[in-house]
N, C-alpha and C. Protein backbone atom coordinates (compact mmCIF):
# COMPACT_ATOMS: atom_id res chain seq x y z
N MET A 1 68.21 133.96 105.86
CA MET A 1 68.95 134.74 104.90
C MET A 1 69.88 133.81 104.11
N LYS A 2 69.87 133.95 102.80
CA LYS A 2 70.70 133.11 101.95
C LYS A 2 72.12 133.65 101.91
N ASN A 3 73.08 132.73 101.89
CA ASN A 3 74.48 133.10 101.72
C ASN A 3 74.81 133.19 100.24
N LEU A 4 75.91 133.85 99.93
CA LEU A 4 76.36 133.97 98.56
C LEU A 4 77.31 132.83 98.25
N TYR A 5 76.93 132.01 97.28
CA TYR A 5 77.74 130.89 96.82
C TYR A 5 77.86 130.94 95.31
N ARG A 6 78.90 130.28 94.77
CA ARG A 6 78.98 130.07 93.33
C ARG A 6 78.03 128.94 92.98
N SER A 7 77.37 129.04 91.85
CA SER A 7 76.45 128.01 91.41
C SER A 7 77.23 126.89 90.74
N SER A 8 76.92 125.66 91.10
CA SER A 8 77.60 124.53 90.48
C SER A 8 76.78 123.93 89.35
N ASP A 9 75.50 124.27 89.26
CA ASP A 9 74.67 123.67 88.24
C ASP A 9 74.30 124.61 87.10
N GLU A 10 74.47 125.91 87.26
CA GLU A 10 74.12 126.86 86.21
C GLU A 10 75.32 127.70 85.79
N LYS A 11 76.50 127.18 85.96
CA LYS A 11 77.67 127.99 85.65
C LYS A 11 78.02 127.95 84.17
N VAL A 12 78.56 129.05 83.69
CA VAL A 12 79.11 129.12 82.35
C VAL A 12 80.63 129.12 82.46
N ILE A 13 81.17 129.94 83.32
CA ILE A 13 82.61 129.95 83.56
C ILE A 13 82.89 129.42 84.97
N ALA A 14 82.46 130.15 85.97
CA ALA A 14 82.74 129.73 87.35
C ALA A 14 81.51 129.70 88.23
N GLY A 15 80.39 130.21 87.75
CA GLY A 15 79.17 130.21 88.53
C GLY A 15 78.97 131.43 89.40
N VAL A 16 79.82 132.43 89.25
CA VAL A 16 79.72 133.62 90.09
C VAL A 16 78.46 134.42 89.75
N CYS A 17 78.21 134.66 88.47
CA CYS A 17 77.02 135.43 88.08
C CYS A 17 75.74 134.70 88.48
N ALA A 18 75.70 133.39 88.30
CA ALA A 18 74.52 132.62 88.70
C ALA A 18 74.33 132.68 90.21
N GLY A 19 75.40 132.63 90.96
CA GLY A 19 75.30 132.74 92.41
C GLY A 19 74.78 134.09 92.86
N ILE A 20 75.26 135.15 92.21
CA ILE A 20 74.77 136.50 92.52
C ILE A 20 73.30 136.62 92.16
N ALA A 21 72.92 136.08 91.01
CA ALA A 21 71.52 136.14 90.58
C ALA A 21 70.62 135.39 91.55
N HIS A 22 71.05 134.25 92.03
CA HIS A 22 70.24 133.49 92.99
C HIS A 22 70.13 134.24 94.32
N LYS A 23 71.22 134.84 94.76
CA LYS A 23 71.22 135.58 96.02
C LYS A 23 70.26 136.76 95.96
N LEU A 24 70.28 137.48 94.84
CA LEU A 24 69.45 138.68 94.70
C LEU A 24 68.10 138.39 94.07
N ASP A 25 67.86 137.13 93.71
CA ASP A 25 66.61 136.69 93.07
C ASP A 25 66.38 137.43 91.76
N PHE A 26 67.44 137.51 90.93
CA PHE A 26 67.40 138.12 89.61
C PHE A 26 67.49 137.05 88.54
N ASN A 27 67.27 137.44 87.30
CA ASN A 27 67.43 136.57 86.16
C ASN A 27 68.93 136.35 85.92
N VAL A 28 69.35 135.09 85.78
CA VAL A 28 70.77 134.77 85.61
C VAL A 28 71.32 135.38 84.33
N THR A 29 70.56 135.28 83.24
CA THR A 29 71.02 135.83 81.96
C THR A 29 71.19 137.34 82.05
N GLY A 30 70.30 138.01 82.73
CA GLY A 30 70.40 139.46 82.89
C GLY A 30 71.64 139.86 83.67
N VAL A 31 71.97 139.11 84.70
CA VAL A 31 73.18 139.41 85.48
C VAL A 31 74.42 139.19 84.61
N ARG A 32 74.43 138.12 83.83
CA ARG A 32 75.58 137.85 82.96
C ARG A 32 75.77 138.96 81.94
N TRP A 33 74.69 139.40 81.29
CA TRP A 33 74.78 140.48 80.32
C TRP A 33 75.22 141.78 80.98
N THR A 34 74.71 142.05 82.15
CA THR A 34 75.09 143.28 82.86
C THR A 34 76.57 143.27 83.19
N VAL A 35 77.07 142.16 83.69
CA VAL A 35 78.50 142.05 84.02
C VAL A 35 79.34 142.20 82.75
N ALA A 36 78.92 141.58 81.66
CA ALA A 36 79.67 141.68 80.41
C ALA A 36 79.72 143.11 79.89
N LEU A 37 78.59 143.79 79.90
CA LEU A 37 78.55 145.17 79.41
C LEU A 37 79.33 146.12 80.32
N VAL A 38 79.19 145.96 81.61
CA VAL A 38 79.93 146.82 82.54
C VAL A 38 81.43 146.57 82.40
N THR A 39 81.83 145.32 82.17
CA THR A 39 83.25 145.01 81.97
C THR A 39 83.78 145.71 80.73
N LEU A 40 82.99 145.74 79.65
CA LEU A 40 83.42 146.42 78.43
C LEU A 40 83.59 147.92 78.64
N PHE A 41 82.67 148.53 79.37
CA PHE A 41 82.72 149.98 79.54
C PHE A 41 83.68 150.44 80.63
N LEU A 42 84.00 149.58 81.57
CA LEU A 42 84.92 149.97 82.64
C LEU A 42 86.30 149.32 82.48
N THR A 43 86.63 149.01 81.26
CA THR A 43 87.94 148.47 80.89
C THR A 43 88.45 147.34 81.79
N GLY A 44 87.60 146.38 82.03
CA GLY A 44 88.04 145.16 82.68
C GLY A 44 88.06 145.13 84.18
N VAL A 45 87.74 146.22 84.85
CA VAL A 45 87.76 146.24 86.31
C VAL A 45 86.80 145.19 86.89
N PRO A 46 85.56 145.07 86.39
CA PRO A 46 84.67 144.04 86.92
C PRO A 46 85.20 142.63 86.69
N PHE A 47 86.01 142.42 85.66
CA PHE A 47 86.61 141.11 85.43
C PHE A 47 87.54 140.74 86.58
N ILE A 48 88.29 141.70 87.09
CA ILE A 48 89.16 141.46 88.25
C ILE A 48 88.32 141.11 89.47
N VAL A 49 87.21 141.83 89.66
CA VAL A 49 86.30 141.54 90.78
C VAL A 49 85.74 140.12 90.62
N TYR A 50 85.38 139.75 89.39
CA TYR A 50 84.86 138.41 89.11
C TYR A 50 85.89 137.35 89.50
N LEU A 51 87.15 137.56 89.12
CA LEU A 51 88.20 136.60 89.47
C LEU A 51 88.38 136.49 90.99
N ILE A 52 88.30 137.61 91.68
CA ILE A 52 88.42 137.59 93.14
C ILE A 52 87.26 136.82 93.76
N LEU A 53 86.04 137.09 93.27
CA LEU A 53 84.88 136.35 93.79
C LEU A 53 84.99 134.86 93.48
N TRP A 54 85.51 134.52 92.31
CA TRP A 54 85.71 133.13 91.95
C TRP A 54 86.65 132.46 92.96
N ALA A 55 87.66 133.19 93.38
CA ALA A 55 88.65 132.63 94.30
C ALA A 55 88.12 132.49 95.73
N ILE A 56 87.27 133.42 96.17
CA ILE A 56 86.88 133.41 97.59
C ILE A 56 85.53 132.76 97.87
N LEU A 57 84.65 132.68 96.86
CA LEU A 57 83.33 132.09 97.10
C LEU A 57 83.39 130.57 97.02
N LYS A 58 82.66 129.92 97.90
CA LYS A 58 82.55 128.48 97.87
C LYS A 58 81.41 128.09 96.94
N GLU A 59 81.48 126.85 96.41
CA GLU A 59 80.36 126.36 95.63
C GLU A 59 79.21 126.04 96.56
N ARG A 60 77.99 126.11 96.04
CA ARG A 60 76.81 125.81 96.84
C ARG A 60 76.95 124.40 97.42
N PRO A 61 76.75 124.24 98.72
CA PRO A 61 76.98 122.94 99.36
C PRO A 61 76.10 121.82 98.85
N THR A 62 74.86 122.11 98.49
CA THR A 62 73.97 121.05 98.03
C THR A 62 74.27 120.65 96.61
N GLY A 63 74.73 121.59 95.80
CA GLY A 63 75.01 121.32 94.40
C GLY A 63 73.76 121.13 93.57
N GLY A 64 72.59 121.21 94.19
CA GLY A 64 71.33 121.02 93.48
C GLY A 64 70.73 122.32 93.05
N THR A 65 69.49 122.23 92.65
CA THR A 65 68.80 123.43 92.21
C THR A 65 68.39 124.27 93.41
N ARG A 66 68.16 125.52 93.18
CA ARG A 66 67.79 126.40 94.28
C ARG A 66 66.34 126.18 94.67
N SER A 67 66.05 126.41 95.91
CA SER A 67 64.67 126.25 96.36
C SER A 67 63.91 127.55 96.16
N ILE A 68 62.65 127.42 95.88
CA ILE A 68 61.81 128.60 95.64
C ILE A 68 60.97 128.88 96.85
């Protein structure tokens, strides 16, 4: 089972969305768009969750690309 880490190689801001996409095996761009749209419609609540995840998640230990 894969752990949830922030991505160090595909990050735009902190790598949280890329880490979630890798964990769930989703498209990184789709996760980013989903988070952005949900943040707009829920008046910033997901942004607070993003900041919390940024603070508590570790970066991926290998720092390399994900294995398939």
